[in-house]
Amino acid sequence: MNTEETKVSESLPNGSGAAALLATGIGACLLAILAIVADKMAAVKSLMIFYKPTGPLSGVTASAILIWLLVWAILDWRWRKQNVPLRPVITWALVLLGLGLLLTFSPIADLF
């Protein structure tokens, strides 16, 4: 690798990419948590009905998407010009994605 390529890679901050990764993990986990809460609590269930034919799923997904976008925007705004250590960001993103996936399975969600 020549010095010109090294200068380019050193000058490009990775904060925006890290923000996208972490926000994805947070959004996936939050979607599962909202789905469980809406399923278990009648007050939340009725609050999450944005579109009657789909029931509370419409509010759960819309809320999770809005929060995911908000988290992404805030993290991107804070990290845009920074070089963020990627190992902990990727680790947390994968843990949150895995947790979100596990919580969507009925046997696990029914434990709550």
PDB file of N, CA and C in Angstrom:
ATOM      1  N   MET A   1       0.853  -1.164   0.000  1.00  0.00           N
ATOM      2  CA  MET A   1       0.000   0.000   0.000  1.00  0.00           C
ATOM      3  C   MET A   1       0.903   1.231   0.000  1.00  0.00           C
ATOM      4  N   ASN A   2       0.598   2.149  -0.867  1.00  0.00           N
ATOM      5  CA  ASN A   2       1.444   3.347  -0.925  1.00  0.00           C
ATOM      6  C   ASN A   2       0.996   4.384   0.109  1.00  0.00           C
ATOM      7  N   THR A   3       1.797   5.400   0.280  1.00  0.00           N
ATOM      8  CA  THR A   3       1.517   6.393   1.315  1.00  0.00           C
ATOM      9  C   THR A   3       0.270   7.213   1.025  1.00  0.00           C
ATOM     10  N   GLU A   4      -0.060   7.367  -0.235  1.00  0.00           N
ATOM     11  CA  GLU A   4      -1.263   8.128  -0.589  1.00  0.00           C
ATOM     12  C   GLU A   4      -2.512   7.403  -0.102  1.00  0.00           C
ATOM     13  N   GLU A   5      -2.559   6.074  -0.282  1.00  0.00           N
ATOM     14  CA  GLU A   5      -3.705   5.304   0.190  1.00  0.00           C
ATOM     15  C   GLU A   5      -3.772   5.300   1.707  1.00  0.00           C
ATOM     16  N   THR A   6      -2.648   5.260   2.360  1.00  0.00           N
ATOM     17  CA  THR A   6      -2.606   5.286   3.817  1.00  0.00           C
ATOM     18  C   THR A   6      -3.153   6.605   4.344  1.00  0.00           C
ATOM     19  N   LYS A   7      -2.798   7.708   3.721  1.00  0.00           N
ATOM     20  CA  LYS A   7      -3.289   9.013   4.156  1.00  0.00           C
ATOM     21  C   LYS A   7      -4.802   9.107   4.013  1.00  0.00           C
ATOM     22  N   VAL A   8      -5.338   8.561   2.932  1.00  0.00           N
ATOM     23  CA  VAL A   8      -6.781   8.611   2.713  1.00  0.00           C
ATOM     24  C   VAL A   8      -7.499   7.797   3.780  1.00  0.00           C
ATOM     25  N   SER A   9      -7.026   6.582   4.071  1.00  0.00           N
ATOM     26  CA  SER A   9      -7.702   5.746   5.054  1.00  0.00           C
ATOM     27  C   SER A   9      -7.574   6.312   6.460  1.00  0.00           C
ATOM     28  N   GLU A  10      -6.475   6.984   6.767  1.00  0.00           N
ATOM     29  CA  GLU A  10      -6.317   7.589   8.083  1.00  0.00           C
ATOM     30  C   GLU A  10      -7.170   8.845   8.233  1.00  0.00           C
ATOM     31  N   SER A  11      -7.471   9.520   7.138  1.00  0.00           N
ATOM     32  CA  SER A  11      -8.214  10.768   7.238  1.00  0.00           C
ATOM     33  C   SER A  11      -9.732  10.563   7.233  1.00  0.00           C
ATOM     34  N   LEU A  12     -10.197   9.388   6.867  1.00  0.00           N
ATOM     35  CA  LEU A  12     -11.636   9.134   6.846  1.00  0.00           C
ATOM     36  C   LEU A  12     -12.093   8.594   8.195  1.00  0.00           C
ATOM     37  N   PRO A  13     -12.916   9.332   8.926  1.00  0.00           N
ATOM     38  CA  PRO A  13     -13.398   8.841  10.207  1.00  0.00           C
ATOM     39  C   PRO A  13     -14.415   7.710  10.016  1.00  0.00           C
ATOM     40  N   ASN A  14     -14.476   6.805  10.970  1.00  0.00           N
ATOM     41  CA  ASN A  14     -15.387   5.674  10.868  1.00  0.00           C
ATOM     42  C   ASN A  14     -16.637   5.844  11.732  1.00  0.00           C
ATOM     43  N   GLY A  15     -16.832   7.007  12.321  1.00  0.00           N
ATOM     44  CA  GLY A  15     -17.934   7.224  13.239  1.00  0.00           C
ATOM     45  C   GLY A  15     -19.313   7.022  12.645  1.00  0.00           C
ATOM     46  N   SER A  16     -19.520   7.445  11.408  1.00  0.00           N
ATOM     47  CA  SER A  16     -20.841   7.274  10.785  1.00  0.00           C
ATOM     48  C   SER A  16     -21.173   5.806  10.581  1.00  0.00           C
ATOM     49  N   GLY A  17     -20.175   5.034  10.159  1.00  0.00           N
ATOM     50  CA  GLY A  17     -20.396   3.593   9.985  1.00  0.00           C
ATOM     51  C   GLY A  17     -20.648   2.907  11.315  1.00  0.00           C
ATOM     52  N   ALA A  18     -19.897   3.293  12.331  1.00  0.00           N
ATOM     53  CA  ALA A  18     -20.095   2.723  13.664  1.00  0.00           C
ATOM     54  C   ALA A  18     -21.478   3.080  14.201  1.00  0.00           C
ATOM     55  N   ALA A  19     -21.922   4.293  13.939  1.00  0.00           N
ATOM     56  CA  ALA A  19     -23.253   4.719  14.373  1.00  0.00           C
ATOM     57  C   ALA A  19     -24.336   3.870  13.710  1.00  0.00           C
ATOM     58  N   ALA A  20     -24.178   3.596  12.433  1.00  0.00           N
ATOM     59  CA  ALA A  20     -25.157   2.770  11.724  1.00  0.00           C
ATOM     60  C   ALA A  20     -25.201   1.351  12.288  1.00  0.00           C
ATOM     61  N   LEU A  21     -24.030   0.783  12.588  1.00  0.00           N
ATOM     62  CA  LEU A  21     -23.980  -0.573  13.138  1.00  0.00           C
ATOM     63  C   LEU A  21     -24.649  -0.654  14.507  1.00  0.00           C
ATOM     64  N   LEU A  22     -24.280   0.238  15.387  1.00  0.00           N
ATOM     65  CA  LEU A  22     -24.834   0.193  16.736  1.00  0.00           C
ATOM     66  C   LEU A  22     -26.330   0.505  16.733  1.00  0.00           C
ATOM     67  N   ALA A  23     -26.754   1.451  15.934  1.00  0.00           N
ATOM     68  CA  ALA A  23     -28.180   1.784  15.854  1.00  0.00           C
ATOM     69  C   ALA A  23     -28.989   0.600  15.342  1.00  0.00           C
ATOM     70  N   THR A  24     -28.420  -0.186  14.439  1.00  0.00           N
ATOM     71  CA  THR A  24     -29.113  -1.370  13.934  1.00  0.00           C
ATOM     72  C   THR A  24     -29.340  -2.382  15.048  1.00  0.00           C
ATOM     73  N   GLY A  25     -28.318  -2.613  15.850  1.00  0.00           N
ATOM     74  CA  GLY A  25     -28.463  -3.536  16.969  1.00  0.00           C
ATOM     75  C   GLY A  25     -29.492  -3.046  17.974  1.00  0.00           C
ATOM     76  N   ILE A  26     -29.446  -1.766  18.297  1.00  0.00           N
ATOM     77  CA  ILE A  26     -30.411  -1.194  19.233  1.00  0.00           C
ATOM     78  C   ILE A  26     -31.825  -1.300  18.674  1.00  0.00           C
ATOM     79  N   GLY A  27     -31.994  -0.998  17.402  1.00  0.00           N
ATOM     80  CA  GLY A  27     -33.321  -1.065  16.787  1.00  0.00           C
ATOM     81  C   GLY A  27     -33.888  -2.475  16.757  1.00  0.00           C
ATOM     82  N   ALA A  28     -33.057  -3.457  16.451  1.00  0.00           N
ATOM     83  CA  ALA A  28     -33.516  -4.850  16.401  1.00  0.00           C
ATOM     84  C   ALA A  28     -33.936  -5.332  17.784  1.00  0.00           C
ATOM     85  N   CYS A  29     -33.141  -5.008  18.787  1.00  0.00           N
ATOM     86  CA  CYS A  29     -33.462  -5.408  20.153  1.00  0.00           C
ATOM     87  C   CYS A  29     -34.732  -4.706  20.632  1.00  0.00           C
ATOM     88  N   LEU A  30     -34.842  -3.447  20.318  1.00  0.00           N
ATOM     89  CA  LEU A  30     -36.005  -2.676  20.724  1.00  0.00           C
ATOM     90  C   LEU A  30     -37.284  -3.194  20.061  1.00  0.00           C
ATOM     91  N   LEU A  31     -37.196  -3.605  18.821  1.00  0.00           N
ATOM     92  CA  LEU A  31     -38.362  -4.168  18.133  1.00  0.00           C
ATOM     93  C   LEU A  31     -38.878  -5.390  18.878  1.00  0.00           C
ATOM     94  N   ALA A  32     -37.972  -6.270  19.285  1.00  0.00           N
ATOM     95  CA  ALA A  32     -38.382  -7.472  20.005  1.00  0.00           C
ATOM     96  C   ALA A  32     -38.970  -7.122  21.370  1.00  0.00           C
ATOM     97  N   ILE A  33     -38.339  -6.179  22.065  1.00  0.00           N
ATOM     98  CA  ILE A  33     -38.835  -5.788  23.389  1.00  0.00           C
ATOM     99  C   ILE A  33     -40.216  -5.147  23.286  1.00  0.00           C
ATOM    100  N   LEU A  34     -40.398  -4.273  22.324  1.00  0.00           N
ATOM    101  CA  LEU A  34     -41.717  -3.648  22.130  1.00  0.00           C
ATOM    102  C   LEU A  34     -42.784  -4.676  21.780  1.00  0.00           C
ATOM    103  N   ALA A  35     -42.428  -5.662  20.973  1.00  0.00           N
ATOM    104  CA  ALA A  35     -43.386  -6.708  20.605  1.00  0.00           C
ATOM    105  C   ALA A  35     -43.813  -7.504  21.830  1.00  0.00           C
ATOM    106  N   ILE A  36     -42.874  -7.825  22.705  1.00  0.00           N
ATOM    107  CA  ILE A  36     -43.202  -8.581  23.920  1.00  0.00           C
ATOM    108  C   ILE A  36     -44.071  -7.738  24.846  1.00  0.00           C
ATOM    109  N   VAL A  37     -43.674  -6.480  25.039  1.00  0.00           N
ATOM    110  CA  VAL A  37     -44.434  -5.601  25.936  1.00  0.00           C
ATOM    111  C   VAL A  37     -45.851  -5.393  25.406  1.00  0.00           C
ATOM    112  N   ALA A  38     -45.991  -5.188  24.114  1.00  0.00           N
ATOM    113  CA  ALA A  38     -47.324  -4.983  23.529  1.00  0.00           C
ATOM    114  C   ALA A  38     -48.166  -6.253  23.622  1.00  0.00           C
ATOM    115  N   ASP A  39     -47.523  -7.395  23.605  1.00  0.00           N
ATOM    116  CA  ASP A  39     -48.252  -8.661  23.713  1.00  0.00           C
ATOM    117  C   ASP A  39     -48.704  -8.924  25.143  1.00  0.00           C
ATOM    118  N   LYS A  40     -47.936  -8.484  26.123  1.00  0.00           N
ATOM    119  CA  LYS A  40     -48.214  -8.811  27.523  1.00  0.00           C
ATOM    120  C   LYS A  40     -49.045  -7.767  28.262  1.00  0.00           C
ATOM    121  N   MET A  41     -49.003  -6.522  27.815  1.00  0.00           N
ATOM    122  CA  MET A  41     -49.704  -5.453  28.535  1.00  0.00           C
ATOM    123  C   MET A  41     -50.835  -4.877  27.672  1.00  0.00           C
ATOM    124  N   ALA A  42     -52.042  -4.977  28.184  1.00  0.00           N
ATOM    125  CA  ALA A  42     -53.213  -4.543  27.415  1.00  0.00           C
ATOM    126  C   ALA A  42     -53.170  -3.049  27.091  1.00  0.00           C
ATOM    127  N   ALA A  43     -52.703  -2.240  28.022  1.00  0.00           N
ATOM    128  CA  ALA A  43     -52.660  -0.789  27.790  1.00  0.00           C
ATOM    129  C   ALA A  43     -51.698  -0.448  26.654  1.00  0.00           C
ATOM    130  N   VAL A  44     -50.555  -1.100  26.647  1.00  0.00           N
ATOM    131  CA  VAL A  44     -49.582  -0.861  25.579  1.00  0.00           C
ATOM    132  C   VAL A  44     -50.104  -1.425  24.265  1.00  0.00           C
ATOM    133  N   LYS A  45     -50.756  -2.571  24.347  1.00  0.00           N
ATOM    134  CA  LYS A  45     -51.312  -3.204  23.143  1.00  0.00           C
ATOM    135  C   LYS A  45     -52.293  -2.268  22.444  1.00  0.00           C
ATOM    136  N   SER A  46     -53.199  -1.668  23.204  1.00  0.00           N
ATOM    137  CA  SER A  46     -54.171  -0.760  22.584  1.00  0.00           C
ATOM    138  C   SER A  46     -53.504   0.526  22.098  1.00  0.00           C
ATOM    139  N   LEU A  47     -52.461   0.950  22.782  1.00  0.00           N
ATOM    140  CA  LEU A  47     -51.723   2.145  22.385  1.00  0.00           C
ATOM    141  C   LEU A  47     -50.962   1.931  21.073  1.00  0.00           C
ATOM    142  N   MET A  48     -50.560   0.700  20.809  1.00  0.00           N
ATOM    143  CA  MET A  48     -49.752   0.388  19.626  1.00  0.00           C
ATOM    144  C   MET A  48     -50.570   0.091  18.373  1.00  0.00           C
ATOM    145  N   ILE A  49     -51.862   0.163  18.447  1.00  0.00           N
ATOM    146  CA  ILE A  49     -52.684  -0.093  17.265  1.00  0.00           C
ATOM    147  C   ILE A  49     -52.768   1.198  16.448  1.00  0.00           C
ATOM    148  N   PHE A  50     -51.910   1.277  15.432  1.00  0.00           N
ATOM    149  CA  PHE A  50     -51.909   2.427  14.530  1.00  0.00           C
ATOM    150  C   PHE A  50     -52.815   2.161  13.325  1.00  0.00           C
ATOM    151  N   TYR A  51     -52.929   0.889  12.964  1.00  0.00           N
ATOM    152  CA  TYR A  51     -53.718   0.478  11.804  1.00  0.00           C
ATOM    153  C   TYR A  51     -54.462  -0.795  12.202  1.00  0.00           C
ATOM    154  N   LYS A  52     -55.790  -0.702  12.335  1.00  0.00           N
ATOM    155  CA  LYS A  52     -56.583  -1.790  12.926  1.00  0.00           C
ATOM    156  C   LYS A  52     -56.410  -3.162  12.270  1.00  0.00           C
ATOM    157  N   PRO A  53     -56.339  -3.275  10.938  1.00  0.00           N
ATOM    158  CA  PRO A  53     -56.198  -4.619  10.371  1.00  0.00           C
ATOM    159  C   PRO A  53     -54.928  -5.367  10.802  1.00  0.00           C
ATOM    160  N   THR A  54     -53.863  -4.657  11.131  1.00  0.00           N
ATOM    161  CA  THR A  54     -52.637  -5.347  11.561  1.00  0.00           C
ATOM    162  C   THR A  54     -52.503  -5.393  13.071  1.00  0.00           C
ATOM    163  N   GLY A  55     -53.324  -4.657  13.786  1.00  0.00           N
ATOM    164  CA  GLY A  55     -53.281  -4.686  15.238  1.00  0.00           C
ATOM    165  C   GLY A  55     -52.060  -3.965  15.787  1.00  0.00           C
ATOM    166  N   PRO A  56     -51.578  -4.421  16.947  1.00  0.00           N
ATOM    167  CA  PRO A  56     -50.469  -3.727  17.596  1.00  0.00           C
ATOM    168  C   PRO A  56     -49.142  -3.837  16.834  1.00  0.00           C
ATOM    169  N   LEU A  57     -49.045  -4.778  15.923  1.00  0.00           N
ATOM    170  CA  LEU A  57     -47.809  -4.921  15.158  1.00  0.00           C
ATOM    171  C   LEU A  57     -47.491  -3.652  14.374  1.00  0.00           C
ATOM    172  N   SER A  58     -48.520  -2.938  13.928  1.00  0.00           N
ATOM    173  CA  SER A  58     -48.282  -1.699  13.176  1.00  0.00           C
ATOM    174  C   SER A  58     -47.590  -0.654  14.051  1.00  0.00           C
ATOM    175  N   GLY A  59     -48.019  -0.508  15.268  1.00  0.00           N
ATOM    176  CA  GLY A  59     -47.406   0.458  16.165  1.00  0.00           C
ATOM    177  C   GLY A  59     -46.044   0.020  16.658  1.00  0.00           C
ATOM    178  N   VAL A  60     -45.896  -1.273  16.892  1.00  0.00           N
ATOM    179  CA  VAL A  60     -44.612  -1.802  17.351  1.00  0.00           C
ATOM    180  C   VAL A  60     -43.536  -1.549  16.295  1.00  0.00           C
ATOM    181  N   THR A  61     -43.809  -1.904  15.068  1.00  0.00           N
ATOM    182  CA  THR A  61     -42.801  -1.730  14.016  1.00  0.00           C
ATOM    183  C   THR A  61     -42.557  -0.252  13.711  1.00  0.00           C
ATOM    184  N   ALA A  62     -43.618   0.530  13.652  1.00  0.00           N
ATOM    185  CA  ALA A  62     -43.447   1.964  13.373  1.00  0.00           C
ATOM    186  C   ALA A  62     -42.657   2.643  14.486  1.00  0.00           C
ATOM    187  N   SER A  63     -42.956   2.319  15.725  1.00  0.00           N
ATOM    188  CA  SER A  63     -42.226   2.912  16.853  1.00  0.00           C
ATOM    189  C   SER A  63     -40.768   2.486  16.853  1.00  0.00           C
ATOM    190  N   ALA A  64     -40.520   1.200  16.606  1.00  0.00           N
ATOM    191  CA  ALA A  64     -39.137   0.704  16.581  1.00  0.00           C
ATOM    192  C   ALA A  64     -38.345   1.369  15.455  1.00  0.00           C
ATOM    193  N   ILE A  65     -38.965   1.545  14.309  1.00  0.00           N
ATOM    194  CA  ILE A  65     -38.276   2.186  13.183  1.00  0.00           C
ATOM    195  C   ILE A  65     -37.974   3.642  13.501  1.00  0.00           C
ATOM    196  N   LEU A  66     -38.925   4.344  14.078  1.00  0.00           N
ATOM    197  CA  LEU A  66     -38.692   5.752  14.431  1.00  0.00           C
ATOM    198  C   LEU A  66     -37.576   5.891  15.467  1.00  0.00           C
ATOM    199  N   ILE A  67     -37.568   5.031  16.471  1.00  0.00           N
ATOM    200  CA  ILE A  67     -36.522   5.097  17.487  1.00  0.00           C
ATOM    201  C   ILE A  67     -35.172   4.710  16.892  1.00  0.00           C
ATOM    202  N   TRP A  68     -35.153   3.693  16.020  1.00  0.00           N
ATOM    203  CA  TRP A  68     -33.917   3.296  15.349  1.00  0.00           C
ATOM    204  C   TRP A  68     -33.340   4.468  14.554  1.00  0.00           C
ATOM    205  N   LEU A  69     -34.175   5.145  13.793  1.00  0.00           N
ATOM    206  CA  LEU A  69     -33.714   6.286  13.009  1.00  0.00           C
ATOM    207  C   LEU A  69     -33.227   7.426  13.899  1.00  0.00           C
ATOM    208  N   LEU A  70     -33.921   7.654  15.002  1.00  0.00           N
ATOM    209  CA  LEU A  70     -33.523   8.701  15.935  1.00  0.00           C
ATOM    210  C   LEU A  70     -32.169   8.374  16.579  1.00  0.00           C
ATOM    211  N   VAL A  71     -31.991   7.129  17.022  1.00  0.00           N
ATOM    212  CA  VAL A  71     -30.718   6.714  17.608  1.00  0.00           C
ATOM    213  C   VAL A  71     -29.595   6.834  16.583  1.00  0.00           C
ATOM    214  N   TRP A  72     -29.865   6.403  15.366  1.00  0.00           N
ATOM    215  CA  TRP A  72     -28.866   6.488  14.300  1.00  0.00           C
ATOM    216  C   TRP A  72     -28.464   7.940  14.052  1.00  0.00           C
ATOM    217  N   ALA A  73     -29.450   8.828  13.969  1.00  0.00           N
ATOM    218  CA  ALA A  73     -29.170  10.246  13.716  1.00  0.00           C
ATOM    219  C   ALA A  73     -28.350  10.857  14.854  1.00  0.00           C
ATOM    220  N   ILE A  74     -28.704  10.532  16.094  1.00  0.00           N
ATOM    221  CA  ILE A  74     -27.977  11.089  17.239  1.00  0.00           C
ATOM    222  C   ILE A  74     -26.545  10.558  17.280  1.00  0.00           C
ATOM    223  N   LEU A  75     -26.373   9.238  17.109  1.00  0.00           N
ATOM    224  CA  LEU A  75     -25.024   8.673  17.131  1.00  0.00           C
ATOM    225  C   LEU A  75     -24.185   9.208  15.965  1.00  0.00           C
ATOM    226  N   ASP A  76     -24.799   9.320  14.802  1.00  0.00           N
ATOM    227  CA  ASP A  76     -24.069   9.851  13.650  1.00  0.00           C
ATOM    228  C   ASP A  76     -23.656  11.296  13.894  1.00  0.00           C
ATOM    229  N   TRP A  77     -24.527  12.080  14.459  1.00  0.00           N
ATOM    230  CA  TRP A  77     -24.219  13.478  14.762  1.00  0.00           C
ATOM    231  C   TRP A  77     -23.050  13.576  15.743  1.00  0.00           C
ATOM    232  N   ARG A  78     -23.036  12.679  16.736  1.00  0.00           N
ATOM    233  CA  ARG A  78     -21.966  12.722  17.745  1.00  0.00           C
ATOM    234  C   ARG A  78     -20.653  12.135  17.253  1.00  0.00           C
ATOM    235  N   TRP A  79     -20.708  11.103  16.397  1.00  0.00           N
ATOM    236  CA  TRP A  79     -19.507  10.365  15.993  1.00  0.00           C
ATOM    237  C   TRP A  79     -19.029  10.689  14.587  1.00  0.00           C
ATOM    238  N   ARG A  80     -19.723  11.522  13.848  1.00  0.00           N
ATOM    239  CA  ARG A  80     -19.446  11.768  12.434  1.00  0.00           C
ATOM    240  C   ARG A  80     -17.977  12.054  12.139  1.00  0.00           C
ATOM    241  N   LYS A  81     -17.335  12.864  12.931  1.00  0.00           N
ATOM    242  CA  LYS A  81     -15.961  13.290  12.646  1.00  0.00           C
ATOM    243  C   LYS A  81     -14.931  12.553  13.503  1.00  0.00           C
ATOM    244  N   GLN A  82     -15.336  11.441  14.098  1.00  0.00           N
ATOM    245  CA  GLN A  82     -14.439  10.727  15.007  1.00  0.00           C
ATOM    246  C   GLN A  82     -14.058   9.359  14.454  1.00  0.00           C
ATOM    247  N   ASN A  83     -12.956   8.849  14.963  1.00  0.00           N
ATOM    248  CA  ASN A  83     -12.596   7.454  14.752  1.00  0.00           C
ATOM    249  C   ASN A  83     -12.971   6.702  16.014  1.00  0.00           C
ATOM    250  N   VAL A  84     -13.999   5.913  15.912  1.00  0.00           N
ATOM    251  CA  VAL A  84     -14.540   5.177  17.048  1.00  0.00           C
ATOM    252  C   VAL A  84     -13.899   3.786  17.065  1.00  0.00           C
ATOM    253  N   PRO A  85     -13.528   3.274  18.251  1.00  0.00           N
ATOM    254  CA  PRO A  85     -13.021   1.903  18.308  1.00  0.00           C
ATOM    255  C   PRO A  85     -14.116   0.930  17.867  1.00  0.00           C
ATOM    256  N   LEU A  86     -13.864   0.220  16.791  1.00  0.00           N
ATOM    257  CA  LEU A  86     -14.912  -0.611  16.199  1.00  0.00           C
ATOM    258  C   LEU A  86     -15.188  -1.912  16.945  1.00  0.00           C
ATOM    259  N   ARG A  87     -14.199  -2.478  17.601  1.00  0.00           N
ATOM    260  CA  ARG A  87     -14.413  -3.770  18.268  1.00  0.00           C
ATOM    261  C   ARG A  87     -15.574  -3.726  19.267  1.00  0.00           C
ATOM    262  N   PRO A  88     -15.618  -2.763  20.197  1.00  0.00           N
ATOM    263  CA  PRO A  88     -16.759  -2.751  21.121  1.00  0.00           C
ATOM    264  C   PRO A  88     -18.085  -2.415  20.428  1.00  0.00           C
ATOM    265  N   VAL A  89     -18.040  -1.580  19.417  1.00  0.00           N
ATOM    266  CA  VAL A  89     -19.275  -1.232  18.697  1.00  0.00           C
ATOM    267  C   VAL A  89     -19.826  -2.465  17.987  1.00  0.00           C
ATOM    268  N   ILE A  90     -18.962  -3.207  17.311  1.00  0.00           N
ATOM    269  CA  ILE A  90     -19.409  -4.415  16.612  1.00  0.00           C
ATOM    270  C   ILE A  90     -19.880  -5.464  17.606  1.00  0.00           C
ATOM    271  N   THR A  91     -19.163  -5.594  18.723  1.00  0.00           N
ATOM    272  CA  THR A  91     -19.565  -6.566  19.743  1.00  0.00           C
ATOM    273  C   THR A  91     -20.954  -6.249  20.279  1.00  0.00           C
ATOM    274  N   TRP A  92     -21.178  -4.999  20.662  1.00  0.00           N
ATOM    275  CA  TRP A  92     -22.497  -4.607  21.172  1.00  0.00           C
ATOM    276  C   TRP A  92     -23.586  -4.752  20.110  1.00  0.00           C
ATOM    277  N   ALA A  93     -23.269  -4.389  18.877  1.00  0.00           N
ATOM    278  CA  ALA A  93     -24.260  -4.513  17.810  1.00  0.00           C
ATOM    279  C   ALA A  93     -24.659  -5.975  17.612  1.00  0.00           C
ATOM    280  N   LEU A  94     -23.690  -6.876  17.613  1.00  0.00           N
ATOM    281  CA  LEU A  94     -23.989  -8.300  17.440  1.00  0.00           C
ATOM    282  C   LEU A  94     -24.748  -8.866  18.636  1.00  0.00           C
ATOM    283  N   VAL A  95     -24.374  -8.456  19.835  1.00  0.00           N
ATOM    284  CA  VAL A  95     -25.090  -8.918  21.032  1.00  0.00           C
ATOM    285  C   VAL A  95     -26.544  -8.453  20.986  1.00  0.00           C
ATOM    286  N   LEU A  96     -26.758  -7.190  20.661  1.00  0.00           N
ATOM    287  CA  LEU A  96     -28.127  -6.661  20.592  1.00  0.00           C
ATOM    288  C   LEU A  96     -28.928  -7.293  19.462  1.00  0.00           C
ATOM    289  N   LEU A  97     -28.289  -7.525  18.318  1.00  0.00           N
ATOM    290  CA  LEU A  97     -28.974  -8.208  17.216  1.00  0.00           C
ATOM    291  C   LEU A  97     -29.358  -9.627  17.623  1.00  0.00           C
ATOM    292  N   GLY A  98     -28.431 -10.335  18.261  1.00  0.00           N
ATOM    293  CA  GLY A  98     -28.711 -11.693  18.717  1.00  0.00           C
ATOM    294  C   GLY A  98     -29.820 -11.733  19.746  1.00  0.00           C
ATOM    295  N   LEU A  99     -29.785 -10.802  20.686  1.00  0.00           N
ATOM    296  CA  LEU A  99     -30.828 -10.726  21.700  1.00  0.00           C
ATOM    297  C   LEU A  99     -32.178 -10.421  21.058  1.00  0.00           C
ATOM    298  N   GLY A 100     -32.180  -9.494  20.117  1.00  0.00           N
ATOM    299  CA  GLY A 100     -33.417  -9.181  19.405  1.00  0.00           C
ATOM    300  C   GLY A 100     -33.965 -10.384  18.664  1.00  0.00           C
ATOM    301  N   LEU A 101     -33.077 -11.148  18.041  1.00  0.00           N
ATOM    302  CA  LEU A 101     -33.506 -12.358  17.330  1.00  0.00           C
ATOM    303  C   LEU A 101     -34.060 -13.389  18.300  1.00  0.00           C
ATOM    304  N   LEU A 102     -33.358 -13.620  19.395  1.00  0.00           N
ATOM    305  CA  LEU A 102     -33.831 -14.602  20.382  1.00  0.00           C
ATOM    306  C   LEU A 102     -35.183 -14.225  20.965  1.00  0.00           C
ATOM    307  N   LEU A 103     -35.368 -12.953  21.248  1.00  0.00           N
ATOM    308  CA  LEU A 103     -36.620 -12.510  21.860  1.00  0.00           C
ATOM    309  C   LEU A 103     -37.817 -12.583  20.918  1.00  0.00           C
ATOM    310  N   THR A 104     -37.587 -12.773  19.634  1.00  0.00           N
ATOM    311  CA  THR A 104     -38.706 -12.899  18.704  1.00  0.00           C
ATOM    312  C   THR A 104     -39.237 -14.332  18.619  1.00  0.00           C
ATOM    313  N   PHE A 105     -38.504 -15.290  19.169  1.00  0.00           N
ATOM    314  CA  PHE A 105     -38.990 -16.672  19.174  1.00  0.00           C
ATOM    315  C   PHE A 105     -40.007 -16.850  20.297  1.00  0.00           C
ATOM    316  N   SER A 106     -41.131 -17.460  19.976  1.00  0.00           N
ATOM    317  CA  SER A 106     -42.232 -17.597  20.922  1.00  0.00           C
ATOM    318  C   SER A 106     -41.835 -18.260  22.232  1.00  0.00           C
ATOM    319  N   PRO A 107     -41.109 -19.389  22.228  1.00  0.00           N
ATOM    320  CA  PRO A 107     -40.782 -20.008  23.532  1.00  0.00           C
ATOM    321  C   PRO A 107     -40.005 -19.084  24.463  1.00  0.00           C
ATOM    322  N   ILE A 108     -39.156 -18.255  23.904  1.00  0.00           N
ATOM    323  CA  ILE A 108     -38.372 -17.337  24.729  1.00  0.00           C
ATOM    324  C   ILE A 108     -39.220 -16.130  25.119  1.00  0.00           C
ATOM    325  N   ALA A 109     -39.982 -15.605  24.190  1.00  0.00           N
ATOM    326  CA  ALA A 109     -40.834 -14.441  24.491  1.00  0.00           C
ATOM    327  C   ALA A 109     -41.904 -14.798  25.524  1.00  0.00           C
ATOM    328  N   ASP A 110     -42.371 -16.051  25.522  1.00  0.00           N
ATOM    329  CA  ASP A 110     -43.402 -16.462  26.470  1.00  0.00           C
ATOM    330  C   ASP A 110     -42.882 -16.597  27.904  1.00  0.00           C
ATOM    331  N   LEU A 111     -41.567 -16.562  28.073  1.00  0.00           N
ATOM    332  CA  LEU A 111     -41.001 -16.628  29.414  1.00  0.00           C
ATOM    333  C   LEU A 111     -41.259 -15.346  30.202  1.00  0.00           C
ATOM    334  N   PHE A 112     -41.581 -14.273  29.505  1.00  0.00           N
ATOM    335  CA  PHE A 112     -41.780 -12.982  30.162  1.00  0.00           C
ATOM    336  C   PHE A 112     -43.225 -12.714  30.455  1.00  0.00           C
TER     337      PHE A 112
END
